[in-house]
Amino acid sequence: MKFGNKVNFSINLELDKHSHGVWMLGKFCYWIKNQQVGNYDLVVSLRDVLFSMAYIIGDKGKRVAPKLNEISSEKAFCLINKCLIEDSNDIYSYVADDFLPARFDVGIDMHIFNDWRVYLVANNINEKIIYKNMKSGIVDDVILPLGEFDSVAGEAYSYLDCLYEEQISKDK
């Protein structure tokens, strides 16, 4: 199943024929600018992806940081990553003191995304996905219309949630 447009941003997922019920084994990845982000070849529990996505969905519309959106993607990536990984406070020159920087993290917290970091920063007009393959060290980005990421992620989340509810019903 594909949600969104591979040219900008999409989510691909597939339930395996032998999904093992509520474990919902399958495949999952993002596509950003026609580049696969995440390891689609690895089997993953789509149930766990669903649970991980709940945090991303919960932060819908709460990633607006115009100053951070305006700087280079490399610098924004560095600021966000240092804040989340090294507990640096440098990011607070670009966001309000009460802002929760973890909201920027839109990567799936699972082994299929181990080689990737994916952040989303919005302003009042558009949003920018900033992503990096940690093996290559290359930071890239794509500009989307405001709300596009959340719309695509919301569709994928709803689909996974329905699959999960179906599996629970079958197991009763």
Protein backbone atom coordinates (compact mmCIF):
# COMPACT_ATOMS: atom_id res chain seq x y z
CA MET A 1 0.00 0.00 0.00
CA LYS A 2 1.32 3.44 -0.90
CA PHE A 3 0.31 6.75 0.66
CA GLY A 4 1.45 10.04 -0.84
CA ASN A 5 3.72 10.77 -3.78
CA LYS A 6 7.23 9.26 -4.08
CA VAL A 7 8.49 12.43 -5.77
CA ASN A 8 7.90 14.45 -2.58
CA PHE A 9 6.96 12.20 0.32
CA SER A 10 5.21 8.87 0.59
CA ILE A 11 4.91 5.93 2.92
CA ASN A 12 4.97 2.39 1.62
CA LEU A 13 3.88 -0.57 3.69
CA GLU A 14 2.97 -4.15 3.04
CA LEU A 15 1.53 -6.83 5.30
CA ASP A 16 3.22 -10.23 4.80
CA LYS A 17 1.11 -13.22 3.83
CA HIS A 18 2.23 -14.85 7.07
CA SER A 19 1.77 -11.82 9.31
CA HIS A 20 1.36 -13.79 12.56
CA GLY A 21 -1.86 -12.12 13.62
CA VAL A 22 -1.57 -9.03 15.79
CA TRP A 23 2.20 -8.91 15.23
CA MET A 24 1.35 -7.81 11.69
CA LEU A 25 4.73 -8.69 10.21
CA GLY A 26 5.46 -6.80 7.04
CA LYS A 27 7.50 -4.06 5.40
CA PHE A 28 7.60 -0.30 5.85
CA CYS A 29 9.57 2.69 4.56
CA TYR A 30 9.35 6.34 3.59
CA TRP A 31 10.09 7.66 0.11
CA ILE A 32 11.50 11.19 0.05
CA LYS A 33 12.43 12.78 -3.28
CA ASN A 34 12.32 9.35 -4.99
CA GLN A 35 14.78 7.97 -2.42
CA GLN A 36 13.91 5.07 -0.14
CA VAL A 37 14.37 6.06 3.49
CA GLY A 38 14.24 3.09 5.82
CA ASN A 39 15.04 -0.52 5.01
CA TYR A 40 12.02 -1.96 3.19
CA ASP A 41 13.74 -5.32 2.76
CA LEU A 42 13.71 -6.05 6.51
CA VAL A 43 10.63 -7.59 8.10
CA VAL A 44 9.16 -5.44 10.84
CA SER A 45 6.15 -5.62 13.14
CA LEU A 46 3.69 -3.17 11.58
CA ARG A 47 1.93 -3.18 14.94
CA ASP A 48 5.08 -1.68 16.48
CA VAL A 49 5.30 0.80 13.59
CA LEU A 50 1.71 1.79 14.40
CA PHE A 51 2.61 2.37 18.04
CA SER A 52 5.70 4.38 17.06
CA MET A 53 3.66 6.49 14.63
CA ALA A 54 1.21 7.44 17.39
CA TYR A 55 3.76 9.97 18.70
CA ILE A 56 4.32 11.40 15.23
CA ILE A 57 0.57 11.73 14.67
CA GLY A 58 0.15 13.29 18.12
CA ASP A 59 2.55 16.10 17.15
CA LYS A 60 0.55 17.08 14.08
CA GLY A 61 0.78 20.84 13.53
CA LYS A 62 3.18 21.32 16.45
CA ARG A 63 6.44 21.55 14.48
CA VAL A 64 6.27 25.22 13.53
CA ALA A 65 9.65 26.92 14.03
CA PRO A 66 10.10 29.63 11.36
CA LYS A 67 13.65 30.60 12.37
CA LEU A 68 14.79 26.97 12.27
CA ASN A 69 13.00 26.39 8.95
CA GLU A 70 14.84 29.35 7.36
CA ILE A 71 18.43 28.27 8.11
CA SER A 72 20.33 25.71 6.02
CA SER A 73 19.18 22.14 6.31
CA GLU A 74 22.63 21.04 7.43
CA LYS A 75 22.65 23.53 10.31
CA ALA A 76 19.03 22.74 11.29
CA PHE A 77 19.80 19.01 11.22
CA CYS A 78 22.85 19.52 13.40
CA LEU A 79 20.94 21.63 15.94
CA ILE A 80 18.05 19.17 16.19
CA ASN A 81 20.28 16.11 16.29
CA LYS A 82 22.58 17.60 18.95
CA CYS A 83 19.57 18.52 21.06
CA LEU A 84 18.02 15.05 20.84
CA ILE A 85 21.20 12.98 21.02
CA GLU A 86 23.64 15.07 23.06
CA ASP A 87 21.24 17.15 25.15
CA SER A 88 22.49 20.44 23.68
CA ASN A 89 20.49 23.63 24.26
CA ASP A 90 21.75 25.47 21.15
CA ILE A 91 18.41 24.92 19.41
CA TYR A 92 16.69 27.32 21.82
CA SER A 93 18.12 30.25 19.85
CA TYR A 94 15.65 29.18 17.13
CA VAL A 95 12.61 27.97 19.09
CA ALA A 96 10.69 29.09 22.18
CA ASP A 97 12.06 28.00 25.55
CA ASP A 98 9.03 25.78 26.18
CA PHE A 99 9.19 24.06 22.75
CA LEU A 100 9.67 20.28 22.78
CA PRO A 101 12.34 19.51 20.11
CA ALA A 102 11.43 15.80 20.03
CA ARG A 103 8.41 16.89 17.96
CA PHE A 104 10.75 17.43 15.02
CA ASP A 105 11.68 13.73 14.96
CA VAL A 106 9.42 12.00 12.44
CA GLY A 107 11.53 8.89 11.90
CA ILE A 108 10.19 5.54 13.00
CA ASP A 109 11.97 4.41 16.16
CA MET A 110 12.73 0.90 14.93
CA HIS A 111 15.57 -1.08 13.37
CA ILE A 112 14.38 -0.37 9.83
CA PHE A 113 15.32 3.30 10.37
CA ASN A 114 18.62 2.72 12.23
CA ASP A 115 20.64 4.25 9.38
CA TRP A 116 18.41 7.31 9.06
CA ARG A 117 17.42 10.44 10.94
CA VAL A 118 14.32 12.24 9.68
CA TYR A 119 13.17 15.61 11.00
CA LEU A 120 10.30 17.89 10.01
CA VAL A 121 10.37 21.66 10.55
CA ALA A 122 7.54 23.93 9.46
CA ASN A 123 6.93 27.63 9.09
CA ASN A 124 3.53 29.21 8.42
CA ILE A 125 3.65 28.49 4.67
CA ASN A 126 5.42 25.18 4.15
CA GLU A 127 7.34 22.44 5.87
CA LYS A 128 10.75 20.95 5.29
CA ILE A 129 11.72 17.33 5.77
CA ILE A 130 15.40 17.20 6.64
CA TYR A 131 16.89 13.73 6.51
CA LYS A 132 20.27 12.08 6.68
CA ASN A 133 21.61 8.66 5.91
CA MET A 134 23.98 8.19 8.83
CA LYS A 135 26.25 5.89 6.78
CA SER A 136 26.78 8.34 3.92
CA GLY A 137 26.67 11.45 6.12
CA ILE A 138 24.69 13.37 3.49
CA VAL A 139 21.94 15.71 4.68
CA ASP A 140 19.13 16.31 2.20
CA ASP A 141 15.74 17.98 2.32
CA VAL A 142 12.45 18.43 0.54
CA ILE A 143 9.98 21.31 0.84
CA LEU A 144 6.33 20.29 1.12
CA PRO A 145 3.11 22.25 1.34
CA LEU A 146 2.18 22.86 4.97
CA GLY A 147 0.44 19.79 6.41
CA GLU A 148 1.38 17.33 3.65
CA PHE A 149 3.57 15.16 5.86
CA ASP A 150 0.87 14.92 8.54
CA SER A 151 -1.77 14.14 5.94
CA VAL A 152 0.22 11.26 4.41
CA ALA A 153 1.31 9.95 7.82
CA GLY A 154 -2.28 10.20 9.06
CA GLU A 155 -3.58 8.10 6.15
CA ALA A 156 -0.93 5.43 6.73
CA TYR A 157 -1.61 5.46 10.47
CA SER A 158 -5.36 5.06 9.96
CA TYR A 159 -4.78 2.17 7.58
CA LEU A 160 -2.45 0.43 10.05
CA ASP A 161 -4.90 1.06 12.88
CA CYS A 162 -7.71 -0.59 10.89
CA LEU A 163 -5.46 -3.56 10.11
CA TYR A 164 -4.62 -3.87 13.78
CA GLU A 165 -8.28 -3.76 14.83
CA GLU A 166 -9.05 -6.47 12.24
CA GLN A 167 -6.29 -8.67 13.63
CA ILE A 168 -7.52 -8.19 17.20
CA SER A 169 -11.04 -9.16 16.11
CA LYS A 170 -9.72 -12.31 14.41
CA ASP A 171 -7.82 -13.34 17.51
CA LYS A 172 -10.90 -13.17 19.77
